[in-house]
Amino acid sequence: VLQSILNIVDFDMDLEEATLAKRVHHQWQPDTLEIEFSIDDGIRNDLELIGYDINITAPLTCIQTIMYKDNKFSGYGDFRRPDAFASGKINDR
């Protein structure tokens, strides 16, 4: 989730781009960087060159996103979960 928020706030991605972006995961133990298999080989090689122990994985997470911007809501369903979708209801007041 944090990666998607950072993609929107810090990297100016729209909701779809942030939801579809490739993801990585790292924690203290084991000291391994997990990357989705779709991450470019050049990036993987660069990470290994600077010392990362890389584990290539299937998609790491699945998120469903919703954003309120410019007085409207938008949502996006992550392709990593094929049966997921964004849905909503508008209440007129």
C-alpha atoms as a PDB file:
ATOM      1  CA  VAL A   1       0.000   0.000   0.000  1.00  0.00           C
ATOM      2  CA  LEU A   2       2.777   2.432   0.910  1.00  0.00           C
ATOM      3  CA  GLN A   3       4.438   2.009  -2.478  1.00  0.00           C
ATOM      4  CA  SER A   4       1.173   2.950  -4.199  1.00  0.00           C
ATOM      5  CA  ILE A   5       0.697   6.022  -2.007  1.00  0.00           C
ATOM      6  CA  LEU A   6       4.285   7.127  -2.638  1.00  0.00           C
ATOM      7  CA  ASN A   7       3.821   6.617  -6.369  1.00  0.00           C
ATOM      8  CA  ILE A   8       0.909   9.069  -6.301  1.00  0.00           C
ATOM      9  CA  VAL A   9       2.295  11.623  -3.841  1.00  0.00           C
ATOM     10  CA  ASP A  10       6.003  11.604  -4.699  1.00  0.00           C
ATOM     11  CA  PHE A  11       6.096  10.384  -8.303  1.00  0.00           C
ATOM     12  CA  ASP A  12       2.920  12.056  -9.635  1.00  0.00           C
ATOM     13  CA  MET A  13       1.371   8.827 -10.915  1.00  0.00           C
ATOM     14  CA  ASP A  14      -2.355   8.670 -11.472  1.00  0.00           C
ATOM     15  CA  LEU A  15      -4.410   6.043  -9.662  1.00  0.00           C
ATOM     16  CA  GLU A  16      -4.168   3.461 -12.448  1.00  0.00           C
ATOM     17  CA  GLU A  17      -0.390   3.850 -12.843  1.00  0.00           C
ATOM     18  CA  ALA A  18       0.175   3.601  -9.090  1.00  0.00           C
ATOM     19  CA  THR A  19      -2.006   0.495  -8.796  1.00  0.00           C
ATOM     20  CA  LEU A  20      -0.329  -1.258 -11.734  1.00  0.00           C
ATOM     21  CA  ALA A  21       3.252  -0.327 -10.801  1.00  0.00           C
ATOM     22  CA  LYS A  22       5.685  -3.147 -10.122  1.00  0.00           C
ATOM     23  CA  ARG A  23       6.413  -3.802  -6.464  1.00  0.00           C
ATOM     24  CA  VAL A  24       9.287  -4.791  -4.232  1.00  0.00           C
ATOM     25  CA  HIS A  25       9.485  -6.026  -0.645  1.00  0.00           C
ATOM     26  CA  HIS A  26      12.352  -6.047   1.849  1.00  0.00           C
ATOM     27  CA  GLN A  27      12.497  -6.783   5.541  1.00  0.00           C
ATOM     28  CA  TRP A  28      15.278  -7.220   8.069  1.00  0.00           C
ATOM     29  CA  GLN A  29      15.325 -11.038   8.101  1.00  0.00           C
ATOM     30  CA  PRO A  30      15.767 -12.686   5.742  1.00  0.00           C
ATOM     31  CA  ASP A  31      17.938  -9.980   4.216  1.00  0.00           C
ATOM     32  CA  THR A  32      16.528 -10.537   0.733  1.00  0.00           C
ATOM     33  CA  LEU A  33      14.896  -8.117  -1.687  1.00  0.00           C
ATOM     34  CA  GLU A  34      11.804  -9.675  -3.225  1.00  0.00           C
ATOM     35  CA  ILE A  35      10.879  -8.279  -6.632  1.00  0.00           C
ATOM     36  CA  GLU A  36       7.994  -9.129  -8.916  1.00  0.00           C
ATOM     37  CA  PHE A  37       9.020 -11.248 -11.902  1.00  0.00           C
ATOM     38  CA  SER A  38       7.917  -8.482 -14.277  1.00  0.00           C
ATOM     39  CA  ILE A  39      10.615  -6.064 -13.082  1.00  0.00           C
ATOM     40  CA  ASP A  40      13.105  -5.342 -15.851  1.00  0.00           C
ATOM     41  CA  ASP A  41      16.217  -7.555 -15.942  1.00  0.00           C
ATOM     42  CA  GLY A  42      18.433  -4.462 -16.144  1.00  0.00           C
ATOM     43  CA  ILE A  43      17.057  -3.167 -12.850  1.00  0.00           C
ATOM     44  CA  ARG A  44      17.488  -6.582 -11.249  1.00  0.00           C
ATOM     45  CA  ASN A  45      21.088  -6.781 -12.473  1.00  0.00           C
ATOM     46  CA  ASP A  46      21.839  -3.269 -11.174  1.00  0.00           C
ATOM     47  CA  LEU A  47      20.451  -4.186  -7.742  1.00  0.00           C
ATOM     48  CA  GLU A  48      22.569  -7.343  -7.624  1.00  0.00           C
ATOM     49  CA  LEU A  49      25.666  -5.352  -8.628  1.00  0.00           C
ATOM     50  CA  ILE A  50      25.264  -3.098  -5.595  1.00  0.00           C
ATOM     51  CA  GLY A  51      24.921  -6.081  -3.273  1.00  0.00           C
ATOM     52  CA  TYR A  52      21.245  -6.990  -2.998  1.00  0.00           C
ATOM     53  CA  ASP A  53      20.301 -10.644  -2.652  1.00  0.00           C
ATOM     54  CA  ILE A  54      17.349 -10.871  -5.055  1.00  0.00           C
ATOM     55  CA  ASN A  55      14.408 -13.257  -4.932  1.00  0.00           C
ATOM     56  CA  ILE A  56      12.114 -13.066  -7.967  1.00  0.00           C
ATOM     57  CA  THR A  57       8.497 -13.753  -7.023  1.00  0.00           C
ATOM     58  CA  ALA A  58       5.015 -13.898  -8.419  1.00  0.00           C
ATOM     59  CA  PRO A  59       2.987 -10.728  -7.790  1.00  0.00           C
ATOM     60  CA  LEU A  60       3.535  -9.671  -4.204  1.00  0.00           C
ATOM     61  CA  THR A  61       0.317  -7.979  -3.204  1.00  0.00           C
ATOM     62  CA  CYS A  62      -3.050  -6.970  -4.523  1.00  0.00           C
ATOM     63  CA  ILE A  63      -4.688  -3.662  -3.686  1.00  0.00           C
ATOM     64  CA  GLN A  64      -7.934  -2.002  -4.649  1.00  0.00           C
ATOM     65  CA  THR A  65      -7.588   1.760  -4.737  1.00  0.00           C
ATOM     66  CA  ILE A  66      -9.901   4.713  -4.375  1.00  0.00           C
ATOM     67  CA  MET A  67      -9.032   8.394  -4.535  1.00  0.00           C
ATOM     68  CA  TYR A  68     -10.915  11.615  -3.949  1.00  0.00           C
ATOM     69  CA  LYS A  69      -9.517  14.416  -6.076  1.00  0.00           C
ATOM     70  CA  ASP A  70     -10.987  17.490  -7.732  1.00  0.00           C
ATOM     71  CA  ASN A  71     -14.366  16.855  -6.105  1.00  0.00           C
ATOM     72  CA  LYS A  72     -14.762  13.346  -7.503  1.00  0.00           C
ATOM     73  CA  PHE A  73     -13.990   9.787  -6.529  1.00  0.00           C
ATOM     74  CA  SER A  74     -12.138   7.344  -8.753  1.00  0.00           C
ATOM     75  CA  GLY A  75     -11.207   3.727  -8.175  1.00  0.00           C
ATOM     76  CA  TYR A  76      -9.087   1.044  -9.744  1.00  0.00           C
ATOM     77  CA  GLY A  77      -8.964  -2.753  -9.392  1.00  0.00           C
ATOM     78  CA  ASP A  78      -5.546  -4.423  -9.341  1.00  0.00           C
ATOM     79  CA  PHE A  79      -4.901  -6.907 -12.176  1.00  0.00           C
ATOM     80  CA  ARG A  80      -2.998  -9.108  -9.713  1.00  0.00           C
ATOM     81  CA  ARG A  81      -6.395 -10.335  -8.575  1.00  0.00           C
ATOM     82  CA  PRO A  82      -8.391 -10.992 -11.754  1.00  0.00           C
ATOM     83  CA  ASP A  83     -11.783 -10.986 -10.024  1.00  0.00           C
ATOM     84  CA  ALA A  84     -11.202  -7.609  -8.343  1.00  0.00           C
ATOM     85  CA  PHE A  85     -12.820  -4.359  -9.372  1.00  0.00           C
ATOM     86  CA  ALA A  86     -13.593  -0.934  -8.021  1.00  0.00           C
ATOM     87  CA  SER A  87     -17.208  -0.051  -7.404  1.00  0.00           C
ATOM     88  CA  GLY A  88     -19.097   2.676  -5.648  1.00  0.00           C
ATOM     89  CA  LYS A  89     -22.372   4.387  -4.946  1.00  0.00           C
ATOM     90  CA  ILE A  90     -23.146   8.069  -5.271  1.00  0.00           C
ATOM     91  CA  ASN A  91     -25.400   9.625  -2.669  1.00  0.00           C
ATOM     92  CA  ASP A  92     -27.043  12.844  -3.803  1.00  0.00           C
ATOM     93  CA  ARG A  93     -27.780  15.165  -0.933  1.00  0.00           C
END
